[in-house]
Amino acid sequence: EVRANTFASCYLMPPEFISQIPDPRDWNTEKAINWANELRVSTEALAYALSAAKLISDSTESLIKSVRVPSTVKSDPELPESLSPASRQRREDWLKR
């Protein structure tokens, strides 16, 4: 898990990118959930990336790590909203198998 979060923070969220997030030094739980979901990473990986870029304090890092993206909010890249209902159902069935 630590290696996965390190990979995600280094390669999926380079410092040049995360510094362009609006108000990159100002975080709350809602913003952390939103951006983690948008970037398709865990809040823990997001916190590592922000901390490594020296954009947040230790207390803000702990705050971001303490929340999780609810499963009801997560978007599945293999089941995009753009699929027709029939295509979505076929793909869901295939993924379940």
Protein backbone atom coordinates (compact mmCIF):
# COMPACT_ATOMS: atom_id res chain seq x y z
CA GLU A 1 0.00 0.00 0.00
CA VAL A 2 2.82 2.41 0.84
CA ARG A 3 4.54 1.68 -2.49
CA ALA A 4 1.28 2.15 -4.39
CA ASN A 5 0.64 5.50 -2.69
CA THR A 6 4.21 6.61 -3.37
CA PHE A 7 3.87 5.63 -7.05
CA ALA A 8 0.55 7.44 -7.33
CA SER A 9 1.85 10.56 -5.64
CA CYS A 10 5.02 10.72 -7.78
CA TYR A 11 3.75 9.72 -11.19
CA LEU A 12 0.03 10.38 -11.30
CA MET A 13 0.21 13.71 -9.47
CA PRO A 14 3.50 15.46 -10.26
CA PRO A 15 4.20 18.61 -8.22
CA GLU A 16 3.79 20.82 -11.32
CA PHE A 17 0.25 19.52 -11.73
CA ILE A 18 -0.95 19.60 -8.13
CA SER A 19 0.38 23.11 -7.62
CA GLN A 20 -2.16 24.18 -10.28
CA ILE A 21 -5.11 22.93 -8.20
CA PRO A 22 -7.06 26.01 -7.09
CA ASP A 23 -5.83 27.11 -3.65
CA PRO A 24 -3.35 24.20 -3.35
CA ARG A 25 -2.50 25.15 0.24
CA ASP A 26 -6.11 25.39 1.46
CA TRP A 27 -7.77 21.99 2.07
CA ASN A 28 -10.83 20.59 3.81
CA THR A 29 -12.36 17.11 3.74
CA GLU A 30 -14.79 17.92 0.92
CA LYS A 31 -12.03 19.27 -1.32
CA ALA A 32 -9.83 16.25 -0.57
CA ILE A 33 -12.60 13.81 -1.49
CA ASN A 34 -13.43 15.75 -4.64
CA TRP A 35 -9.84 15.90 -5.91
CA ALA A 36 -8.98 12.32 -4.96
CA ASN A 37 -12.05 11.16 -6.87
CA GLU A 38 -11.26 13.43 -9.82
CA LEU A 39 -7.68 12.13 -10.00
CA ARG A 40 -8.80 8.53 -9.30
CA VAL A 41 -6.39 8.14 -6.38
CA SER A 42 -6.80 7.54 -2.66
CA THR A 43 -6.89 10.47 -0.27
CA GLU A 44 -3.73 9.04 1.26
CA ALA A 45 -1.89 9.22 -2.08
CA LEU A 46 -3.19 12.76 -2.58
CA ALA A 47 -1.91 13.74 0.87
CA TYR A 48 1.53 12.26 0.10
CA ALA A 49 1.74 14.19 -3.16
CA LEU A 50 0.71 17.49 -1.58
CA SER A 51 3.13 16.97 1.31
CA ALA A 52 6.02 16.04 -1.00
CA ALA A 53 5.36 19.22 -2.97
CA LYS A 54 5.47 21.13 0.33
CA LEU A 55 2.00 22.53 -0.25
CA ILE A 56 0.44 21.40 3.04
CA SER A 57 1.34 21.15 6.70
CA ASP A 58 1.59 17.92 8.68
CA SER A 59 -1.81 18.58 10.25
CA THR A 60 -3.45 19.10 6.86
CA GLU A 61 -1.79 15.91 5.60
CA SER A 62 -3.35 14.04 8.53
CA LEU A 63 -6.73 15.60 7.82
CA ILE A 64 -6.68 14.55 4.15
CA LYS A 65 -5.51 11.02 5.03
CA SER A 66 -8.33 10.68 7.57
CA VAL A 67 -11.11 10.82 4.97
CA ARG A 68 -12.09 8.31 2.31
CA VAL A 69 -13.90 8.74 -0.99
CA PRO A 70 -17.33 7.17 -0.41
CA SER A 71 -18.07 4.29 -2.77
CA THR A 72 -21.29 6.02 -3.81
CA VAL A 73 -19.26 8.96 -5.14
CA LYS A 74 -16.52 7.00 -6.89
CA SER A 75 -16.63 6.91 -10.65
CA ASP A 76 -15.56 3.74 -12.40
CA PRO A 77 -13.43 4.46 -15.50
CA GLU A 78 -14.49 1.10 -16.93
CA LEU A 79 -18.17 2.09 -16.68
CA PRO A 80 -18.34 5.65 -18.01
CA GLU A 81 -21.60 7.57 -17.83
CA SER A 82 -21.47 7.93 -21.62
CA LEU A 83 -22.41 4.26 -22.14
CA SER A 84 -25.95 3.44 -23.16
CA PRO A 85 -27.94 1.57 -20.49
CA ALA A 86 -27.69 -1.72 -22.45
CA SER A 87 -23.95 -1.35 -23.00
CA ARG A 88 -23.44 -0.45 -19.36
CA GLN A 89 -25.36 -3.53 -18.22
CA ARG A 90 -23.36 -5.82 -20.54
CA ARG A 91 -20.09 -4.36 -19.30
CA GLU A 92 -21.17 -4.64 -15.64
CA ASP A 93 -22.06 -8.31 -16.20
CA TRP A 94 -18.73 -8.95 -17.92
CA LEU A 95 -16.80 -7.27 -15.09
CA LYS A 96 -18.66 -9.31 -12.47
CA ARG A 97 -17.63 -12.52 -14.22
